[in-house]
């Protein structure tokens, strides 16, 4: 479940809430009890980097590492 960040427009209170994507956004501030919460846009708590499991898993033979094969041929043409 994602963690959403909220800020109250009335009192400025900031909070995080663990919610399902299908849950309705929170509206009532737990600090001042006014319906002034606004969902903030924030960065994800994780970052995807690297070749990824899908590049190397569940493949056999010469298809085992497609990213490495493409990278080595482009590197050799750059160095020549």
N, C-alpha and C. Protein backbone atom coordinates (compact mmCIF):
# COMPACT_ATOMS: atom_id res chain seq x y z
N UNK A 1 0.84 -1.18 0.00
CA UNK A 1 0.00 0.00 0.00
C UNK A 1 0.89 1.25 0.00
N UNK A 2 0.51 2.23 -0.76
CA UNK A 2 1.30 3.47 -0.80
C UNK A 2 1.08 4.34 0.44
N UNK A 3 2.07 5.17 0.70
CA UNK A 3 1.98 6.14 1.77
C UNK A 3 1.71 7.50 1.13
N UNK A 4 0.62 8.14 1.54
CA UNK A 4 0.25 9.44 1.00
C UNK A 4 0.57 10.51 2.03
N UNK A 5 0.95 11.68 1.53
CA UNK A 5 1.28 12.80 2.39
C UNK A 5 0.17 13.85 2.26
N UNK A 6 -0.27 14.35 3.39
CA UNK A 6 -1.34 15.35 3.44
C UNK A 6 -0.86 16.59 4.20
N UNK A 7 -1.45 17.73 3.85
CA UNK A 7 -1.19 18.97 4.57
C UNK A 7 -2.52 19.70 4.77
N UNK A 8 -2.72 20.21 5.97
CA UNK A 8 -3.94 20.95 6.29
C UNK A 8 -3.79 22.39 5.82
N UNK A 9 -4.77 22.85 5.04
CA UNK A 9 -4.75 24.23 4.54
C UNK A 9 -5.04 25.23 5.66
N UNK A 10 -5.69 24.77 6.72
CA UNK A 10 -6.07 25.66 7.80
C UNK A 10 -4.95 25.86 8.82
N UNK A 11 -4.40 24.78 9.37
CA UNK A 11 -3.41 24.90 10.44
C UNK A 11 -1.99 24.54 10.01
N UNK A 12 -1.80 23.98 8.78
CA UNK A 12 -0.48 23.64 8.28
C UNK A 12 0.06 22.31 8.75
N UNK A 13 -0.73 21.54 9.49
CA UNK A 13 -0.32 20.22 9.97
C UNK A 13 -0.03 19.30 8.79
N UNK A 14 1.11 18.58 8.86
CA UNK A 14 1.50 17.64 7.80
C UNK A 14 1.46 16.24 8.38
N UNK A 15 0.91 15.28 7.63
CA UNK A 15 0.84 13.89 8.08
C UNK A 15 0.99 12.94 6.91
N UNK A 16 1.35 11.71 7.24
CA UNK A 16 1.42 10.64 6.24
C UNK A 16 0.37 9.61 6.59
N UNK A 17 -0.23 8.99 5.57
CA UNK A 17 -1.26 7.99 5.79
C UNK A 17 -1.02 6.81 4.86
N UNK A 18 -1.03 5.62 5.43
CA UNK A 18 -0.92 4.39 4.66
C UNK A 18 -2.32 4.01 4.20
N UNK A 19 -2.56 4.09 2.89
CA UNK A 19 -3.90 3.87 2.34
C UNK A 19 -3.83 3.01 1.09
N UNK A 20 -4.92 2.33 0.81
CA UNK A 20 -5.07 1.64 -0.46
C UNK A 20 -5.25 2.68 -1.56
N UNK A 21 -4.89 2.32 -2.78
CA UNK A 21 -5.08 3.25 -3.89
C UNK A 21 -6.56 3.53 -4.14
N UNK A 22 -7.40 2.58 -3.78
CA UNK A 22 -8.84 2.74 -3.99
C UNK A 22 -9.53 3.52 -2.87
N UNK A 23 -8.83 3.79 -1.76
CA UNK A 23 -9.43 4.54 -0.65
C UNK A 23 -9.65 6.00 -1.05
N UNK A 24 -10.68 6.59 -0.51
CA UNK A 24 -10.94 8.01 -0.75
C UNK A 24 -9.91 8.84 0.02
N UNK A 25 -9.53 9.98 -0.51
CA UNK A 25 -8.58 10.84 0.20
C UNK A 25 -9.13 11.30 1.55
N UNK A 26 -8.23 11.48 2.51
CA UNK A 26 -8.64 12.00 3.81
C UNK A 26 -9.00 13.47 3.66
N UNK A 27 -9.96 13.93 4.45
CA UNK A 27 -10.38 15.33 4.36
C UNK A 27 -10.29 16.05 5.71
N UNK A 28 -10.46 15.32 6.81
CA UNK A 28 -10.49 15.95 8.13
C UNK A 28 -9.12 15.91 8.78
N UNK A 29 -8.65 17.07 9.20
CA UNK A 29 -7.35 17.20 9.86
C UNK A 29 -7.44 16.63 11.28
N UNK A 30 -6.50 15.75 11.66
CA UNK A 30 -6.55 15.19 13.02
C UNK A 30 -6.14 16.21 14.09
N UNK A 31 -5.50 17.30 13.71
CA UNK A 31 -5.05 18.31 14.68
C UNK A 31 -6.13 19.36 14.97
N UNK A 32 -6.69 19.94 13.91
CA UNK A 32 -7.68 21.01 14.12
C UNK A 32 -9.12 20.56 13.86
N UNK A 33 -9.31 19.34 13.33
CA UNK A 33 -10.63 18.75 13.07
C UNK A 33 -11.44 19.47 11.99
N UNK A 34 -10.78 20.28 11.17
CA UNK A 34 -11.47 20.94 10.07
C UNK A 34 -11.28 20.13 8.79
N UNK A 35 -12.25 20.18 7.88
CA UNK A 35 -12.14 19.41 6.61
C UNK A 35 -11.26 20.15 5.59
N UNK A 36 -10.00 20.37 5.93
CA UNK A 36 -9.11 21.17 5.11
C UNK A 36 -7.86 20.41 4.63
N UNK A 37 -7.86 19.08 4.71
CA UNK A 37 -6.68 18.32 4.28
C UNK A 37 -6.56 18.32 2.76
N UNK A 38 -5.33 18.45 2.30
CA UNK A 38 -5.03 18.46 0.88
C UNK A 38 -3.93 17.43 0.63
N UNK A 39 -4.16 16.52 -0.31
CA UNK A 39 -3.16 15.51 -0.62
C UNK A 39 -2.01 16.17 -1.39
N UNK A 40 -0.79 15.93 -0.91
CA UNK A 40 0.38 16.52 -1.55
C UNK A 40 0.95 15.56 -2.59
N UNK A 41 1.62 16.10 -3.57
CA UNK A 41 2.32 15.28 -4.54
C UNK A 41 3.75 15.15 -4.03
N UNK A 42 4.20 13.92 -3.82
CA UNK A 42 5.54 13.71 -3.30
C UNK A 42 6.23 12.59 -4.07
N UNK A 43 7.52 12.49 -3.89
CA UNK A 43 8.31 11.47 -4.58
C UNK A 43 8.01 10.09 -4.02
N UNK A 44 8.20 9.10 -4.86
CA UNK A 44 8.02 7.73 -4.41
C UNK A 44 9.10 7.37 -3.40
N UNK A 45 8.80 6.43 -2.53
CA UNK A 45 9.75 6.02 -1.51
C UNK A 45 10.79 5.04 -2.03
N UNK A 46 10.70 4.67 -3.28
CA UNK A 46 11.67 3.75 -3.86
C UNK A 46 12.00 4.21 -5.27
N UNK A 47 13.12 3.70 -5.77
CA UNK A 47 13.53 4.07 -7.13
C UNK A 47 13.95 2.79 -7.85
N UNK A 48 13.43 2.62 -9.05
CA UNK A 48 13.80 1.47 -9.87
C UNK A 48 15.03 1.84 -10.68
N UNK A 49 16.07 1.01 -10.59
CA UNK A 49 17.26 1.28 -11.39
C UNK A 49 17.92 -0.04 -11.74
N UNK A 50 18.78 -0.01 -12.71
CA UNK A 50 19.45 -1.23 -13.14
C UNK A 50 18.71 -1.89 -14.28
N UNK A 51 19.20 -3.07 -14.66
CA UNK A 51 18.62 -3.80 -15.78
C UNK A 51 17.26 -4.37 -15.48
N UNK A 52 16.99 -4.67 -14.21
CA UNK A 52 15.69 -5.21 -13.84
C UNK A 52 15.66 -6.72 -13.90
N UNK A 53 14.86 -7.33 -13.05
CA UNK A 53 14.78 -8.78 -13.00
C UNK A 53 14.22 -9.36 -14.28
N UNK A 54 13.37 -8.61 -14.95
CA UNK A 54 12.73 -9.12 -16.16
C UNK A 54 13.72 -9.30 -17.29
N UNK A 55 14.88 -8.64 -17.25
CA UNK A 55 15.89 -8.79 -18.29
C UNK A 55 16.60 -10.14 -18.20
N UNK A 56 16.78 -10.64 -16.99
CA UNK A 56 17.62 -11.82 -16.82
C UNK A 56 16.87 -13.06 -16.35
N UNK A 57 15.75 -12.92 -15.74
CA UNK A 57 15.02 -14.08 -15.22
C UNK A 57 14.15 -14.72 -16.29
N UNK A 58 13.95 -15.99 -16.14
CA UNK A 58 13.05 -16.78 -16.98
C UNK A 58 13.46 -16.80 -18.45
N UNK A 59 14.74 -16.65 -18.73
CA UNK A 59 15.22 -16.75 -20.10
C UNK A 59 16.26 -17.86 -20.18
N UNK A 60 16.44 -18.38 -21.37
CA UNK A 60 17.42 -19.45 -21.53
C UNK A 60 18.25 -19.20 -22.78
N UNK A 61 19.37 -19.87 -22.86
CA UNK A 61 20.21 -19.79 -24.05
C UNK A 61 20.83 -18.43 -24.25
N UNK A 62 20.89 -17.97 -25.51
CA UNK A 62 21.53 -16.70 -25.85
C UNK A 62 20.68 -15.49 -25.44
N UNK A 63 19.43 -15.72 -25.08
CA UNK A 63 18.55 -14.63 -24.67
C UNK A 63 18.76 -14.25 -23.21
N UNK A 64 19.71 -14.86 -22.54
CA UNK A 64 19.88 -14.71 -21.10
C UNK A 64 20.10 -13.25 -20.68
N UNK A 65 20.93 -12.48 -21.36
CA UNK A 65 21.23 -11.12 -20.95
C UNK A 65 21.19 -10.18 -22.15
N UNK A 66 20.00 -9.75 -22.50
CA UNK A 66 19.83 -8.89 -23.67
C UNK A 66 20.44 -7.51 -23.46
N UNK A 67 20.32 -6.95 -22.27
CA UNK A 67 20.85 -5.61 -22.00
C UNK A 67 22.37 -5.61 -22.08
N UNK A 68 23.01 -6.64 -21.55
CA UNK A 68 24.47 -6.73 -21.59
C UNK A 68 24.99 -6.90 -23.00
N UNK A 69 24.30 -7.68 -23.82
CA UNK A 69 24.72 -7.88 -25.21
C UNK A 69 24.62 -6.59 -26.00
N UNK A 70 23.55 -5.85 -25.83
CA UNK A 70 23.35 -4.59 -26.56
C UNK A 70 24.36 -3.55 -26.08
N UNK A 71 24.64 -3.53 -24.78
CA UNK A 71 25.58 -2.56 -24.23
C UNK A 71 27.00 -2.81 -24.70
N UNK A 72 27.40 -4.09 -24.81
CA UNK A 72 28.77 -4.39 -25.21
C UNK A 72 29.00 -4.07 -26.68
N UNK A 73 28.00 -4.24 -27.54
CA UNK A 73 28.19 -3.92 -28.95
C UNK A 73 28.22 -2.41 -29.17
N UNK A 74 27.44 -1.64 -28.41
CA UNK A 74 27.45 -0.20 -28.56
C UNK A 74 28.72 0.38 -27.95
N UNK A 75 29.25 -0.25 -26.89
CA UNK A 75 30.48 0.23 -26.29
C UNK A 75 31.67 0.00 -27.22
N UNK A 76 31.69 -1.15 -27.93
CA UNK A 76 32.82 -1.44 -28.80
C UNK A 76 32.80 -0.52 -30.03
N UNK A 77 31.61 -0.12 -30.49
CA UNK A 77 31.55 0.80 -31.63
C UNK A 77 31.92 2.21 -31.23
N UNK A 78 31.69 2.57 -29.96
CA UNK A 78 32.05 3.90 -29.48
C UNK A 78 33.57 4.01 -29.30
N UNK A 79 34.20 2.92 -28.86
CA UNK A 79 35.63 2.98 -28.58
C UNK A 79 36.45 2.87 -29.86
N UNK A 80 35.86 2.42 -30.95
CA UNK A 80 36.60 2.24 -32.20
C UNK A 80 36.75 3.51 -32.98
